[in-house]
Amino acid sequence: MLSKECKLHLEKAGETGLEHMCYAFKTAARLQLLVPALLIHGLAPRLFTNTASNVMKDILKDRKNDK
């Protein structure tokens, strides 16, 4: 069912399709939750000053640690 490119990507990531999907959905949810914080920060820069940066750094750090 999966293309060769998909299988290669999953192999390179060291994950099953389900694991990869769960990680992608979790990451998407975390990023979506940042949208309100970023909109509020745009209107009131004193609020949520580091929230988006911190979450994005955590996502990248988590990904590097999974390898």
N, C-alpha and C. Protein backbone atom coordinates (compact mmCIF):
# COMPACT_ATOMS: atom_id res chain seq x y z
N MET A 1 0.81 -1.20 0.00
CA MET A 1 0.00 0.00 0.00
C MET A 1 0.85 1.27 0.00
N LEU A 2 1.93 1.26 0.80
CA LEU A 2 2.79 2.43 0.86
C LEU A 2 3.77 2.43 -0.31
N SER A 3 4.07 3.62 -0.80
CA SER A 3 5.03 3.73 -1.89
C SER A 3 6.43 3.43 -1.37
N LYS A 4 7.35 3.22 -2.27
CA LYS A 4 8.74 2.98 -1.89
C LYS A 4 9.30 4.16 -1.11
N GLU A 5 8.93 5.37 -1.53
CA GLU A 5 9.41 6.57 -0.85
C GLU A 5 8.90 6.64 0.58
N CYS A 6 7.64 6.27 0.79
CA CYS A 6 7.07 6.26 2.14
C CYS A 6 7.78 5.23 3.02
N LYS A 7 7.99 4.04 2.49
CA LYS A 7 8.66 2.99 3.25
C LYS A 7 10.08 3.41 3.60
N LEU A 8 10.76 4.04 2.66
CA LEU A 8 12.12 4.51 2.89
C LEU A 8 12.13 5.59 3.99
N HIS A 9 11.18 6.49 3.93
CA HIS A 9 11.09 7.55 4.93
C HIS A 9 10.85 6.96 6.33
N LEU A 10 9.94 6.02 6.43
CA LEU A 10 9.66 5.39 7.72
C LEU A 10 10.87 4.62 8.23
N GLU A 11 11.55 3.96 7.33
CA GLU A 11 12.76 3.21 7.71
C GLU A 11 13.83 4.17 8.22
N LYS A 12 14.01 5.28 7.51
CA LYS A 12 14.99 6.29 7.90
C LYS A 12 14.63 6.90 9.27
N ALA A 13 13.33 7.09 9.52
CA ALA A 13 12.87 7.65 10.78
C ALA A 13 12.90 6.61 11.90
N GLY A 14 13.01 5.34 11.52
CA GLY A 14 13.03 4.28 12.51
C GLY A 14 11.70 4.10 13.22
N GLU A 15 10.62 4.30 12.47
CA GLU A 15 9.28 4.22 13.03
C GLU A 15 8.38 3.37 12.15
N THR A 16 7.34 2.84 12.77
CA THR A 16 6.29 2.20 11.99
C THR A 16 5.39 3.30 11.44
N GLY A 17 4.52 2.93 10.55
CA GLY A 17 3.58 3.93 10.01
C GLY A 17 2.72 4.54 11.09
N LEU A 18 2.25 3.70 12.01
CA LEU A 18 1.40 4.19 13.10
C LEU A 18 2.17 5.11 14.04
N GLU A 19 3.39 4.74 14.39
CA GLU A 19 4.21 5.60 15.25
C GLU A 19 4.46 6.95 14.60
N HIS A 20 4.76 6.92 13.33
CA HIS A 20 5.04 8.16 12.59
C HIS A 20 3.79 9.04 12.52
N MET A 21 2.66 8.41 12.26
CA MET A 21 1.41 9.15 12.20
C MET A 21 1.08 9.79 13.55
N CYS A 22 1.25 9.03 14.63
CA CYS A 22 0.97 9.57 15.97
C CYS A 22 1.88 10.74 16.29
N TYR A 23 3.17 10.62 15.97
CA TYR A 23 4.10 11.71 16.22
C TYR A 23 3.72 12.94 15.40
N ALA A 24 3.36 12.73 14.14
CA ALA A 24 2.98 13.85 13.27
C ALA A 24 1.72 14.54 13.79
N PHE A 25 0.73 13.76 14.23
CA PHE A 25 -0.51 14.35 14.75
C PHE A 25 -0.25 15.09 16.05
N LYS A 26 0.59 14.53 16.91
CA LYS A 26 0.93 15.19 18.17
C LYS A 26 1.64 16.53 17.90
N THR A 27 2.56 16.50 16.96
CA THR A 27 3.28 17.73 16.61
C THR A 27 2.33 18.76 16.01
N ALA A 28 1.44 18.32 15.15
CA ALA A 28 0.46 19.22 14.55
C ALA A 28 -0.43 19.85 15.61
N ALA A 29 -0.84 19.06 16.60
CA ALA A 29 -1.69 19.58 17.67
C ALA A 29 -0.93 20.62 18.49
N ARG A 30 0.32 20.32 18.81
CA ARG A 30 1.12 21.28 19.59
C ARG A 30 1.27 22.60 18.84
N LEU A 31 1.52 22.51 17.54
CA LEU A 31 1.67 23.73 16.74
C LEU A 31 0.36 24.49 16.62
N GLN A 32 -0.75 23.77 16.47
CA GLN A 32 -2.05 24.43 16.39
C GLN A 32 -2.39 25.18 17.68
N LEU A 33 -1.98 24.61 18.81
CA LEU A 33 -2.23 25.27 20.09
C LEU A 33 -1.41 26.55 20.24
N LEU A 34 -0.37 26.70 19.45
CA LEU A 34 0.43 27.93 19.49
C LEU A 34 -0.24 29.09 18.77
N VAL A 35 -1.13 28.79 17.86
CA VAL A 35 -1.75 29.85 17.06
C VAL A 35 -2.41 30.92 17.93
N PRO A 36 -3.26 30.56 18.90
CA PRO A 36 -3.84 31.61 19.74
C PRO A 36 -2.78 32.42 20.50
N ALA A 37 -1.76 31.74 21.01
CA ALA A 37 -0.71 32.46 21.73
C ALA A 37 0.00 33.45 20.81
N LEU A 38 0.25 33.05 19.58
CA LEU A 38 0.91 33.94 18.63
C LEU A 38 0.02 35.13 18.24
N LEU A 39 -1.27 34.87 18.09
CA LEU A 39 -2.19 35.96 17.76
C LEU A 39 -2.26 36.96 18.92
N ILE A 40 -2.34 36.44 20.13
CA ILE A 40 -2.36 37.32 21.31
C ILE A 40 -1.05 38.08 21.41
N HIS A 41 0.06 37.40 21.19
CA HIS A 41 1.37 38.05 21.24
C HIS A 41 1.46 39.17 20.20
N GLY A 42 0.87 38.95 19.03
CA GLY A 42 0.88 39.99 18.00
C GLY A 42 0.16 41.24 18.45
N LEU A 43 -0.89 41.08 19.24
CA LEU A 43 -1.66 42.23 19.73
C LEU A 43 -1.06 42.82 21.00
N ALA A 44 -0.51 41.97 21.84
CA ALA A 44 0.06 42.40 23.12
C ALA A 44 1.43 41.73 23.27
N PRO A 45 2.47 42.33 22.70
CA PRO A 45 3.80 41.70 22.67
C PRO A 45 4.37 41.32 24.04
N ARG A 46 3.85 41.87 25.10
CA ARG A 46 4.36 41.52 26.43
C ARG A 46 3.87 40.15 26.89
N LEU A 47 2.87 39.61 26.21
CA LEU A 47 2.32 38.31 26.57
C LEU A 47 2.90 37.21 25.66
N PHE A 48 3.08 36.05 26.23
CA PHE A 48 3.57 34.87 25.48
C PHE A 48 4.87 35.18 24.73
N THR A 49 5.78 35.87 25.40
CA THR A 49 7.00 36.35 24.73
C THR A 49 7.90 35.22 24.20
N ASN A 50 7.95 34.10 24.88
CA ASN A 50 8.83 33.02 24.46
C ASN A 50 8.10 31.71 24.19
N THR A 51 6.80 31.72 24.29
CA THR A 51 6.02 30.49 24.20
C THR A 51 6.26 29.74 22.89
N ALA A 52 6.08 30.40 21.78
CA ALA A 52 6.22 29.72 20.48
C ALA A 52 7.64 29.21 20.26
N SER A 53 8.61 30.04 20.57
CA SER A 53 10.01 29.63 20.40
C SER A 53 10.33 28.42 21.26
N ASN A 54 9.89 28.44 22.50
CA ASN A 54 10.17 27.33 23.41
C ASN A 54 9.53 26.03 22.94
N VAL A 55 8.29 26.09 22.52
CA VAL A 55 7.59 24.89 22.06
C VAL A 55 8.25 24.34 20.80
N MET A 56 8.60 25.21 19.87
CA MET A 56 9.24 24.76 18.63
C MET A 56 10.61 24.14 18.92
N LYS A 57 11.36 24.74 19.84
CA LYS A 57 12.65 24.17 20.23
C LYS A 57 12.45 22.80 20.87
N ASP A 58 11.43 22.67 21.71
CA ASP A 58 11.13 21.38 22.35
C ASP A 58 10.78 20.31 21.31
N ILE A 59 10.00 20.69 20.31
CA ILE A 59 9.62 19.74 19.26
C ILE A 59 10.88 19.26 18.53
N LEU A 60 11.75 20.17 18.18
CA LEU A 60 12.98 19.80 17.47
C LEU A 60 13.90 18.97 18.37
N LYS A 61 13.99 19.34 19.64
CA LYS A 61 14.84 18.58 20.57
C LYS A 61 14.29 17.17 20.75
N ASP A 62 12.97 17.04 20.90
CA ASP A 62 12.36 15.72 21.04
C ASP A 62 12.65 14.86 19.82
N ARG A 63 12.59 15.46 18.67
CA ARG A 63 12.81 14.71 17.42
C ARG A 63 14.25 14.23 17.34
N LYS A 64 15.19 15.09 17.72
CA LYS A 64 16.61 14.71 17.68
C LYS A 64 16.89 13.61 18.70
N ASN A 65 16.23 13.65 19.86
CA ASN A 65 16.43 12.63 20.89
C ASN A 65 15.85 11.29 20.48
N ASP A 66 14.87 11.29 19.58
CA ASP A 66 14.25 10.03 19.13
C ASP A 66 15.20 9.27 18.21
N LYS A 67 16.14 9.94 17.65
CA LYS A 67 17.05 9.31 16.67
C LYS A 67 18.12 8.51 17.38
